[in-house]
Amino acid sequence: MDKATRYLALAVVLRAVRDMQKHGAKNTTAPTEAEYHDSMIWLGSRQAALWFDTACVSQYNVLWYNNWRTHAKEMLDSCDLLPEERRLLEDGVRVFGVLKAKYHAGY
């Protein structure tokens, strides 16, 4: 894989993470609620896995260290979601909850 492809993938992932954190791109406004919503769903999806793999970055680590689970729980409580979106977020919250418990228990 060439550097340009990897850098493009990194940029796509970074933009989604910044949208999740409600930070805008340089010299722009913060993302809209729709962009926030889309970034949350995309970051936890299989579609994003290809971009993470191309960027040579762990999807798990990015989601873990950027508190995706916390954002996902907030979305579940406050947003109207399609059934498949709700399922994706619920599954992610459950998986990260188990991993967090194991981490804090020393496993």
N, C-alpha and C. Protein backbone atom coordinates (compact mmCIF):
# COMPACT_ATOMS: atom_id res chain seq x y z
N MET A 1 0.84 -1.18 0.00
CA MET A 1 0.00 0.00 0.00
C MET A 1 0.89 1.24 0.00
N ASP A 2 0.50 2.25 -0.74
CA ASP A 2 1.31 3.46 -0.79
C ASP A 2 0.93 4.42 0.33
N LYS A 3 1.81 5.37 0.57
CA LYS A 3 1.61 6.34 1.66
C LYS A 3 0.36 7.17 1.46
N ALA A 4 0.10 7.57 0.23
CA ALA A 4 -1.05 8.43 -0.04
C ALA A 4 -2.36 7.75 0.36
N THR A 5 -2.48 6.46 0.08
CA THR A 5 -3.69 5.71 0.44
C THR A 5 -3.83 5.65 1.95
N ARG A 6 -2.73 5.36 2.62
CA ARG A 6 -2.76 5.29 4.09
C ARG A 6 -3.13 6.65 4.69
N TYR A 7 -2.54 7.72 4.17
CA TYR A 7 -2.82 9.06 4.70
C TYR A 7 -4.28 9.46 4.45
N LEU A 8 -4.83 9.08 3.32
CA LEU A 8 -6.23 9.35 3.04
C LEU A 8 -7.11 8.63 4.07
N ALA A 9 -6.82 7.37 4.31
CA ALA A 9 -7.59 6.60 5.29
C ALA A 9 -7.47 7.21 6.68
N LEU A 10 -6.26 7.62 7.05
CA LEU A 10 -6.06 8.28 8.34
C LEU A 10 -6.91 9.56 8.45
N ALA A 11 -6.94 10.32 7.36
CA ALA A 11 -7.72 11.57 7.36
C ALA A 11 -9.21 11.29 7.52
N VAL A 12 -9.71 10.26 6.87
CA VAL A 12 -11.13 9.90 6.98
C VAL A 12 -11.46 9.50 8.42
N VAL A 13 -10.61 8.66 9.00
CA VAL A 13 -10.83 8.21 10.38
C VAL A 13 -10.74 9.40 11.34
N LEU A 14 -9.74 10.24 11.17
CA LEU A 14 -9.58 11.39 12.04
C LEU A 14 -10.78 12.32 11.96
N ARG A 15 -11.28 12.56 10.78
CA ARG A 15 -12.45 13.44 10.63
C ARG A 15 -13.66 12.87 11.35
N ALA A 16 -13.85 11.56 11.24
CA ALA A 16 -14.98 10.94 11.93
C ALA A 16 -14.82 11.05 13.45
N VAL A 17 -13.60 10.86 13.94
CA VAL A 17 -13.35 10.98 15.38
C VAL A 17 -13.59 12.41 15.83
N ARG A 18 -13.15 13.37 15.06
CA ARG A 18 -13.36 14.78 15.42
C ARG A 18 -14.85 15.12 15.39
N ASP A 19 -15.59 14.57 14.43
CA ASP A 19 -17.04 14.78 14.40
C ASP A 19 -17.69 14.16 15.63
N MET A 20 -17.20 12.97 16.04
CA MET A 20 -17.73 12.32 17.23
C MET A 20 -17.48 13.18 18.47
N GLN A 21 -16.33 13.82 18.51
CA GLN A 21 -15.97 14.67 19.64
C GLN A 21 -16.57 16.07 19.53
N LYS A 22 -17.32 16.28 18.45
CA LYS A 22 -17.98 17.56 18.17
C LYS A 22 -16.99 18.71 17.97
N HIS A 23 -15.85 18.38 17.36
CA HIS A 23 -14.88 19.39 16.94
C HIS A 23 -15.01 19.56 15.43
N GLY A 24 -14.97 20.76 14.97
CA GLY A 24 -15.01 21.00 13.55
C GLY A 24 -13.64 20.85 12.93
N ALA A 25 -13.61 20.84 11.62
CA ALA A 25 -12.34 20.86 10.91
C ALA A 25 -11.77 22.26 11.06
N LYS A 26 -10.49 22.41 10.75
CA LYS A 26 -9.86 23.72 10.85
C LYS A 26 -10.67 24.75 10.06
N ASN A 27 -10.89 25.89 10.67
CA ASN A 27 -11.57 27.02 10.03
C ASN A 27 -13.02 26.74 9.66
N THR A 28 -13.66 25.78 10.32
CA THR A 28 -15.08 25.53 10.05
C THR A 28 -15.82 25.48 11.37
N THR A 29 -17.11 25.37 11.26
CA THR A 29 -17.92 25.25 12.46
C THR A 29 -17.92 23.80 12.94
N ALA A 30 -18.42 23.61 14.13
CA ALA A 30 -18.54 22.25 14.67
C ALA A 30 -19.50 21.45 13.79
N PRO A 31 -19.40 20.13 13.83
CA PRO A 31 -20.28 19.30 13.00
C PRO A 31 -21.74 19.45 13.42
N THR A 32 -22.59 19.23 12.49
CA THR A 32 -24.03 19.25 12.77
C THR A 32 -24.39 17.99 13.55
N GLU A 33 -25.61 17.97 14.08
CA GLU A 33 -26.07 16.77 14.78
C GLU A 33 -26.09 15.56 13.83
N ALA A 34 -26.45 15.79 12.58
CA ALA A 34 -26.47 14.69 11.60
C ALA A 34 -25.06 14.15 11.38
N GLU A 35 -24.07 15.04 11.29
CA GLU A 35 -22.68 14.60 11.12
C GLU A 35 -22.19 13.85 12.35
N TYR A 36 -22.57 14.33 13.52
CA TYR A 36 -22.21 13.64 14.77
C TYR A 36 -22.82 12.24 14.77
N HIS A 37 -24.09 12.17 14.46
CA HIS A 37 -24.82 10.90 14.41
C HIS A 37 -24.15 9.95 13.43
N ASP A 38 -23.89 10.43 12.22
CA ASP A 38 -23.27 9.58 11.19
C ASP A 38 -21.89 9.10 11.60
N SER A 39 -21.11 9.96 12.24
CA SER A 39 -19.77 9.56 12.65
C SER A 39 -19.83 8.48 13.72
N MET A 40 -20.75 8.60 14.66
CA MET A 40 -20.88 7.60 15.71
C MET A 40 -21.23 6.24 15.14
N ILE A 41 -22.19 6.21 14.25
CA ILE A 41 -22.61 4.95 13.65
C ILE A 41 -21.48 4.38 12.80
N TRP A 42 -20.87 5.23 11.98
CA TRP A 42 -19.81 4.76 11.09
C TRP A 42 -18.62 4.22 11.87
N LEU A 43 -18.18 4.94 12.89
CA LEU A 43 -16.99 4.51 13.64
C LEU A 43 -17.17 3.13 14.26
N GLY A 44 -18.37 2.78 14.65
CA GLY A 44 -18.60 1.47 15.25
C GLY A 44 -18.95 0.38 14.27
N SER A 45 -18.97 0.70 12.99
CA SER A 45 -19.44 -0.24 11.98
C SER A 45 -18.33 -1.05 11.30
N ARG A 46 -18.78 -2.08 10.60
CA ARG A 46 -17.85 -2.87 9.80
C ARG A 46 -17.32 -2.07 8.60
N GLN A 47 -18.12 -1.15 8.09
CA GLN A 47 -17.67 -0.34 6.96
C GLN A 47 -16.42 0.44 7.32
N ALA A 48 -16.34 0.89 8.56
CA ALA A 48 -15.17 1.65 9.00
C ALA A 48 -13.94 0.76 9.13
N ALA A 49 -14.14 -0.53 9.35
CA ALA A 49 -13.01 -1.45 9.56
C ALA A 49 -12.03 -1.40 8.38
N LEU A 50 -12.53 -1.32 7.16
CA LEU A 50 -11.65 -1.24 5.99
C LEU A 50 -10.76 0.00 6.05
N TRP A 51 -11.33 1.13 6.45
CA TRP A 51 -10.57 2.37 6.54
C TRP A 51 -9.53 2.29 7.66
N PHE A 52 -9.92 1.72 8.79
CA PHE A 52 -8.97 1.54 9.89
C PHE A 52 -7.83 0.62 9.47
N ASP A 53 -8.17 -0.48 8.79
CA ASP A 53 -7.13 -1.41 8.32
C ASP A 53 -6.20 -0.73 7.33
N THR A 54 -6.76 0.04 6.41
CA THR A 54 -5.95 0.75 5.42
C THR A 54 -5.05 1.79 6.09
N ALA A 55 -5.55 2.40 7.15
CA ALA A 55 -4.77 3.40 7.89
C ALA A 55 -3.75 2.75 8.82
N CYS A 56 -3.83 1.42 8.95
CA CYS A 56 -2.96 0.67 9.88
C CYS A 56 -3.16 1.14 11.32
N VAL A 57 -4.42 1.32 11.68
CA VAL A 57 -4.79 1.80 13.01
C VAL A 57 -5.85 0.84 13.56
N SER A 58 -5.77 0.54 14.84
CA SER A 58 -6.73 -0.34 15.48
C SER A 58 -8.06 0.37 15.72
N GLN A 59 -9.12 -0.15 15.13
CA GLN A 59 -10.44 0.42 15.35
C GLN A 59 -10.80 0.35 16.84
N TYR A 60 -10.51 -0.77 17.45
CA TYR A 60 -10.78 -0.94 18.88
C TYR A 60 -10.08 0.14 19.70
N ASN A 61 -8.79 0.36 19.47
CA ASN A 61 -8.04 1.35 20.26
C ASN A 61 -8.58 2.76 20.06
N VAL A 62 -8.90 3.10 18.83
CA VAL A 62 -9.43 4.45 18.56
C VAL A 62 -10.75 4.64 19.30
N LEU A 63 -11.62 3.65 19.23
CA LEU A 63 -12.91 3.77 19.92
C LEU A 63 -12.72 3.79 21.43
N TRP A 64 -11.85 2.96 21.94
CA TRP A 64 -11.60 2.88 23.39
C TRP A 64 -11.06 4.20 23.93
N TYR A 65 -10.00 4.70 23.31
CA TYR A 65 -9.32 5.89 23.84
C TYR A 65 -10.06 7.20 23.56
N ASN A 66 -11.07 7.14 22.70
CA ASN A 66 -11.86 8.35 22.44
C ASN A 66 -13.26 8.25 23.03
N ASN A 67 -13.44 7.32 23.97
CA ASN A 67 -14.69 7.18 24.73
C ASN A 67 -15.93 7.01 23.85
N TRP A 68 -15.79 6.22 22.78
CA TRP A 68 -16.92 5.96 21.91
C TRP A 68 -18.10 5.41 22.69
N ARG A 69 -17.83 4.54 23.66
CA ARG A 69 -18.89 3.91 24.45
C ARG A 69 -19.74 4.97 25.16
N THR A 70 -19.10 5.96 25.74
CA THR A 70 -19.84 7.02 26.44
C THR A 70 -20.73 7.79 25.48
N HIS A 71 -20.18 8.14 24.33
CA HIS A 71 -20.98 8.85 23.31
C HIS A 71 -22.13 7.97 22.84
N ALA A 72 -21.87 6.67 22.66
CA ALA A 72 -22.90 5.76 22.18
C ALA A 72 -24.04 5.65 23.20
N LYS A 73 -23.69 5.56 24.48
CA LYS A 73 -24.72 5.50 25.52
C LYS A 73 -25.58 6.76 25.51
N GLU A 74 -24.95 7.91 25.33
CA GLU A 74 -25.70 9.17 25.27
C GLU A 74 -26.64 9.19 24.07
N MET A 75 -26.15 8.69 22.93
CA MET A 75 -27.00 8.64 21.73
C MET A 75 -28.19 7.72 21.94
N LEU A 76 -27.97 6.60 22.58
CA LEU A 76 -29.06 5.66 22.82
C LEU A 76 -30.15 6.29 23.67
N ASP A 77 -29.77 7.14 24.59
CA ASP A 77 -30.72 7.78 25.48
C ASP A 77 -31.41 9.00 24.88
N SER A 78 -30.80 9.62 23.87
CA SER A 78 -31.31 10.92 23.44
C SER A 78 -31.69 11.03 21.96
N CYS A 79 -31.48 10.00 21.18
CA CYS A 79 -31.71 10.13 19.73
C CYS A 79 -32.74 9.12 19.23
N ASP A 80 -33.44 9.54 18.18
CA ASP A 80 -34.27 8.60 17.45
C ASP A 80 -33.35 7.87 16.48
N LEU A 81 -33.32 6.56 16.59
CA LEU A 81 -32.40 5.76 15.79
C LEU A 81 -33.16 4.70 15.00
N LEU A 82 -32.61 4.36 13.86
CA LEU A 82 -33.14 3.22 13.11
C LEU A 82 -32.83 1.96 13.91
N PRO A 83 -33.61 0.91 13.74
CA PRO A 83 -33.37 -0.32 14.51
C PRO A 83 -31.95 -0.87 14.35
N GLU A 84 -31.41 -0.84 13.15
CA GLU A 84 -30.05 -1.36 12.95
C GLU A 84 -28.99 -0.45 13.60
N GLU A 85 -29.24 0.85 13.64
CA GLU A 85 -28.33 1.77 14.32
C GLU A 85 -28.37 1.53 15.83
N ARG A 86 -29.56 1.36 16.36
CA ARG A 86 -29.71 1.10 17.78
C ARG A 86 -29.00 -0.20 18.16
N ARG A 87 -29.17 -1.22 17.34
CA ARG A 87 -28.53 -2.51 17.60
C ARG A 87 -27.01 -2.39 17.58
N LEU A 88 -26.47 -1.65 16.60
CA LEU A 88 -25.02 -1.45 16.52
C LEU A 88 -24.50 -0.77 17.77
N LEU A 89 -25.17 0.29 18.20
CA LEU A 89 -24.73 1.01 19.39
C LEU A 89 -24.88 0.17 20.65
N GLU A 90 -25.99 -0.54 20.78
CA GLU A 90 -26.19 -1.39 21.95
C GLU A 90 -25.13 -2.49 22.02
N ASP A 91 -24.85 -3.11 20.88
CA ASP A 91 -23.83 -4.16 20.85
C ASP A 91 -22.46 -3.58 21.23
N GLY A 92 -22.13 -2.42 20.69
CA GLY A 92 -20.85 -1.79 21.00
C GLY A 92 -20.73 -1.41 22.46
N VAL A 93 -21.80 -0.86 23.02
CA VAL A 93 -21.80 -0.49 24.44
C VAL A 93 -21.61 -1.73 25.30
N ARG A 94 -22.29 -2.81 24.94
CA ARG A 94 -22.19 -4.05 25.69
C ARG A 94 -20.76 -4.62 25.63
N VAL A 95 -20.20 -4.68 24.43
CA VAL A 95 -18.84 -5.22 24.26
C VAL A 95 -17.82 -4.38 25.01
N PHE A 96 -17.87 -3.07 24.85
CA PHE A 96 -16.91 -2.21 25.53
C PHE A 96 -17.14 -2.22 27.05
N GLY A 97 -18.37 -2.43 27.47
CA GLY A 97 -18.64 -2.54 28.90
C GLY A 97 -17.98 -3.77 29.50
N VAL A 98 -18.07 -4.89 28.79
CA VAL A 98 -17.42 -6.12 29.26
C VAL A 98 -15.90 -5.93 29.27
N LEU A 99 -15.36 -5.35 28.22
CA LEU A 99 -13.92 -5.13 28.15
C LEU A 99 -13.44 -4.18 29.24
N LYS A 100 -14.23 -3.16 29.51
CA LYS A 100 -13.86 -2.20 30.57
C LYS A 100 -13.86 -2.88 31.93
N ALA A 101 -14.86 -3.72 32.17
CA ALA A 101 -14.92 -4.45 33.45
C ALA A 101 -13.72 -5.37 33.60
N LYS A 102 -13.36 -6.06 32.53
CA LYS A 102 -12.20 -6.95 32.57
C LYS A 102 -10.92 -6.15 32.81
N TYR A 103 -10.82 -5.02 32.15
CA TYR A 103 -9.64 -4.16 32.29
C TYR A 103 -9.48 -3.72 33.74
N HIS A 104 -10.57 -3.27 34.34
CA HIS A 104 -10.51 -2.78 35.71
C HIS A 104 -10.33 -3.92 36.72
N ALA A 105 -10.68 -5.14 36.32
CA ALA A 105 -10.49 -6.30 37.20
C ALA A 105 -9.09 -6.88 37.05
N GLY A 106 -8.32 -6.35 36.11
CA GLY A 106 -6.94 -6.78 35.93
C GLY A 106 -6.74 -7.92 34.96
N TYR A 107 -7.73 -8.21 34.12
CA TYR A 107 -7.57 -9.28 33.13
C TYR A 107 -6.90 -8.80 31.88
